[in-house]
Every structure is written in structure tokens, then in C-alpha cells.
Amino acid sequence: MRKRHPNPRLAKIHRNYTVEEVASLFGIHRNTVREWVKRGLPTSDGRRPMLILGRDLVAFLSARRAKNKRTCQPGELYCVRCRAPRAPAGDMVDYVALTATLGNLAAICSVCETMIYRRVSLAKLTSVCGKLDVTLPQALEHIGERAQPTVNSDLE
């Protein structure tokens, strides 16, 4: 199983790790850890076996994670295809309720024209949307809420 984003909190900061120990800790291959060393993960010295300080490992992985974060500003939704926060086309979004207090904003990306989404609570909807035109679709009427429910039966 390949771990794309290893959790830096698994490493102990007061411990030294070998390449094999780091690989088994995160469930990744040894060559991945060696590639991290080539990309800037500091080792304790240039000798074998390579020892990696726990605090350096945590700092390296946390920096990698923070570098890839792209926070959305008010009025933006994250587009997976563009890999960046984007304003929706026409500044129009639909709010799709998932629960009584939580839902998704759904819109079309203004650059690549794919669907973009953002999870938002109903309480924070106005601050997240900014100046966007939000459509709150009405819920469909349930069969039990009708005055005379329809029955699909040929028995009468």
C-alpha cells in the first residue's frame, strides 16, 4: 500500500531512525526515503547507516505537506483539475444540503469548465461565499408529506 502523504505525527522527535525504520514506520519503500534524502531530508552525518533525526523527519514532512496546501479565499472553490482555488463561472454556485447543518457548494470552474465543490457549514455560508450568487434548491416533496399520497397499485 502506497502512502501518498505520510503522517508526520507518527515519528518521534527524540529518536533516530534508519532508512529501513522510516520506511516501515510509514509503510513506504526504502527508495522513497532515500529520495527524500536527495530532496533535502537531513541526515545526522554522511556515514552509513544513514541516521535521520526524528525532529528533522517531522519538520521535512510537515514542510512538504504545507507546501502543497492551497487555501480557498471567500468566493473561491478548489478545482481538482486545475489544482488551484478558482472562482466559479458566472459567480454562481448551488448549495446542496447533506445534513441539517452541512452541505456542499457546487459550481463550474471558470477556467477548465469542470465541476468544483467546497464543503461548508450552513452557519458559515455567507462568509465563505463572499459575493457569489448562491442558489438554495428546495427539497423534493416526500411521498409521506403529501395530502393524498399516490399509490401505484392495480388492486382497486
Protein backbone atom coordinates (compact mmCIF):
# COMPACT_ATOMS: atom_id res chain seq x y z
CA MET A 1 0.00 0.00 0.00
CA ARG A 2 1.47 3.32 -1.08
CA LYS A 3 1.19 6.25 1.30
CA ARG A 4 0.99 9.45 -0.70
CA HIS A 5 1.01 11.77 2.30
CA PRO A 6 2.72 10.17 5.31
CA ASN A 7 1.54 11.45 8.66
CA PRO A 8 4.45 13.34 10.30
CA ARG A 9 2.96 12.77 13.75
CA LEU A 10 3.92 9.10 13.62
CA ALA A 11 7.60 9.96 14.01
CA LYS A 12 9.05 10.57 17.47
CA ILE A 13 11.14 13.74 17.63
CA HIS A 14 13.60 12.41 20.23
CA ARG A 15 14.55 9.31 18.27
CA ASN A 16 17.00 8.48 15.46
CA TYR A 17 15.76 6.40 12.53
CA THR A 18 17.48 4.38 9.86
CA VAL A 19 16.15 4.40 6.31
CA GLU A 20 14.53 1.00 6.85
CA GLU A 21 12.86 2.12 10.09
CA VAL A 22 11.39 5.22 8.42
CA ALA A 23 10.12 3.06 5.54
CA SER A 24 8.42 0.59 7.88
CA LEU A 25 7.04 3.39 10.08
CA PHE A 26 5.18 5.00 7.17
CA GLY A 27 4.56 1.85 5.10
CA ILE A 28 6.62 3.06 2.15
CA HIS A 29 9.60 1.74 0.20
CA ARG A 30 13.19 2.37 1.27
CA ASN A 31 13.93 4.08 -2.05
CA THR A 32 11.25 6.67 -1.25
CA VAL A 33 13.11 7.59 1.94
CA ARG A 34 16.39 7.77 0.00
CA GLU A 35 14.70 10.09 -2.49
CA TRP A 36 13.61 12.31 0.41
CA VAL A 37 17.26 12.49 1.49
CA LYS A 38 18.22 13.59 -2.03
CA ARG A 39 15.49 16.24 -1.91
CA GLY A 40 16.68 17.74 1.35
CA LEU A 41 15.86 15.48 4.29
CA PRO A 42 18.90 15.99 6.55
CA THR A 43 20.82 13.03 7.93
CA SER A 44 22.92 13.07 11.10
CA ASP A 45 26.21 12.51 9.21
CA GLY A 46 27.43 11.27 5.84
CA ARG A 47 28.27 7.75 7.07
CA ARG A 48 26.40 4.51 6.76
CA PRO A 49 23.91 3.56 8.09
CA MET A 50 22.16 6.85 7.38
CA LEU A 51 20.56 8.10 10.58
CA ILE A 52 17.69 10.52 10.38
CA LEU A 53 16.78 12.59 13.42
CA GLY A 54 13.12 12.40 14.33
CA ARG A 55 12.68 16.16 14.59
CA ASP A 56 14.24 16.62 11.11
CA LEU A 57 11.90 13.99 9.70
CA VAL A 58 8.84 15.65 11.24
CA ALA A 59 9.93 19.09 10.00
CA PHE A 60 10.63 17.77 6.48
CA LEU A 61 7.27 16.01 6.14
CA SER A 62 5.35 18.93 7.66
CA ALA A 63 7.02 21.35 5.25
CA ARG A 64 6.14 19.10 2.29
CA ARG A 65 2.53 19.00 3.44
CA ALA A 66 2.32 22.76 4.00
CA LYS A 67 3.85 23.48 0.59
CA ASN A 68 1.02 21.64 -1.18
CA LYS A 69 -1.78 23.40 0.71
CA ARG A 70 -3.86 25.83 -1.30
CA THR A 71 -6.43 27.54 0.92
CA CYS A 72 -9.54 28.97 -0.69
CA GLN A 73 -10.40 32.61 -0.14
CA PRO A 74 -14.03 33.74 0.21
CA GLY A 75 -15.72 33.29 -3.16
CA GLU A 76 -13.36 30.50 -4.32
CA LEU A 77 -13.76 26.74 -4.66
CA TYR A 78 -10.91 24.29 -5.21
CA CYS A 79 -10.64 22.84 -8.71
CA VAL A 80 -9.02 19.40 -8.70
CA ARG A 81 -8.24 19.54 -12.40
CA CYS A 82 -6.53 22.96 -12.25
CA ARG A 83 -5.04 22.15 -8.81
CA ALA A 84 -5.79 25.65 -7.61
CA PRO A 85 -8.58 27.65 -5.97
CA ARG A 86 -10.81 29.16 -8.68
CA ALA A 87 -13.78 31.49 -8.86
CA PRO A 88 -16.86 29.75 -10.26
CA ALA A 89 -18.08 30.64 -13.74
CA GLY A 90 -20.60 33.47 -13.63
CA ASP A 91 -20.15 33.75 -9.84
CA MET A 92 -22.98 31.22 -9.44
CA VAL A 93 -22.97 28.26 -7.04
CA ASP A 94 -25.54 25.76 -5.83
CA TYR A 95 -25.77 24.74 -2.18
CA VAL A 96 -26.54 21.03 -1.84
CA ALA A 97 -27.53 20.17 1.72
CA LEU A 98 -26.05 16.96 3.12
CA THR A 99 -27.35 17.30 6.68
CA ALA A 100 -29.31 19.97 8.51
CA THR A 101 -26.13 21.98 9.18
CA LEU A 102 -23.65 20.88 6.48
CA GLY A 103 -23.59 20.91 2.71
CA ASN A 104 -21.55 21.25 -0.48
CA LEU A 105 -21.17 24.22 -2.76
CA ALA A 106 -21.19 23.03 -6.38
CA ALA A 107 -20.24 25.15 -9.38
CA ILE A 108 -18.43 25.11 -12.71
CA CYS A 109 -14.76 26.12 -12.90
CA SER A 110 -14.25 29.34 -14.83
CA VAL A 111 -11.02 28.05 -16.41
CA CYS A 112 -11.45 24.36 -17.29
CA GLU A 113 -15.26 24.10 -17.05
CA THR A 114 -15.32 21.05 -14.77
CA MET A 115 -17.42 20.73 -11.64
CA ILE A 116 -15.86 22.16 -8.49
CA TYR A 117 -17.02 21.65 -4.92
CA ARG A 118 -16.46 23.00 -1.44
CA ARG A 119 -17.78 21.61 1.84
CA VAL A 120 -19.31 24.31 4.02
CA SER A 121 -21.46 24.55 7.11
CA LEU A 122 -24.73 26.41 6.81
CA ALA A 123 -23.68 28.82 9.58
CA LYS A 124 -20.54 29.90 7.65
CA LEU A 125 -22.19 30.01 4.23
CA THR A 126 -22.27 33.81 3.95
CA SER A 127 -18.63 34.28 4.95
CA VAL A 128 -17.38 31.53 2.61
CA CYS A 129 -19.39 32.65 -0.41
CA GLY A 130 -18.40 36.30 -0.36
CA LYS A 131 -20.15 37.96 -3.32
CA LEU A 132 -21.22 34.73 -5.05
CA ASP A 133 -24.82 34.17 -6.09
CA VAL A 134 -25.90 31.11 -4.08
CA THR A 135 -28.90 29.03 -5.12
CA LEU A 136 -30.50 27.01 -2.35
CA PRO A 137 -32.53 24.31 -4.11
CA GLN A 138 -35.78 23.41 -2.43
CA ALA A 139 -36.08 19.87 -1.15
CA LEU A 140 -38.24 17.50 -3.10
CA GLU A 141 -41.58 16.66 -1.56
CA HIS A 142 -41.57 13.27 0.13
CA ILE A 143 -44.43 10.90 -0.52
CA GLY A 144 -45.38 10.87 3.16
CA GLU A 145 -45.71 14.68 3.25
CA ARG A 146 -48.43 14.84 0.56
CA ALA A 147 -52.07 15.25 1.45
CA GLN A 148 -53.06 12.33 -0.79
CA PRO A 149 -50.09 10.07 -1.44
CA THR A 150 -50.14 8.32 -4.78
CA VAL A 151 -50.29 4.58 -4.76
CA ASN A 152 -49.04 2.58 -7.69
CA SER A 153 -51.48 -0.27 -7.34
CA ASP A 154 -53.83 -2.03 -9.70
CA LEU A 155 -55.71 -3.85 -6.93
CA GLU A 156 -58.65 -1.44 -6.71
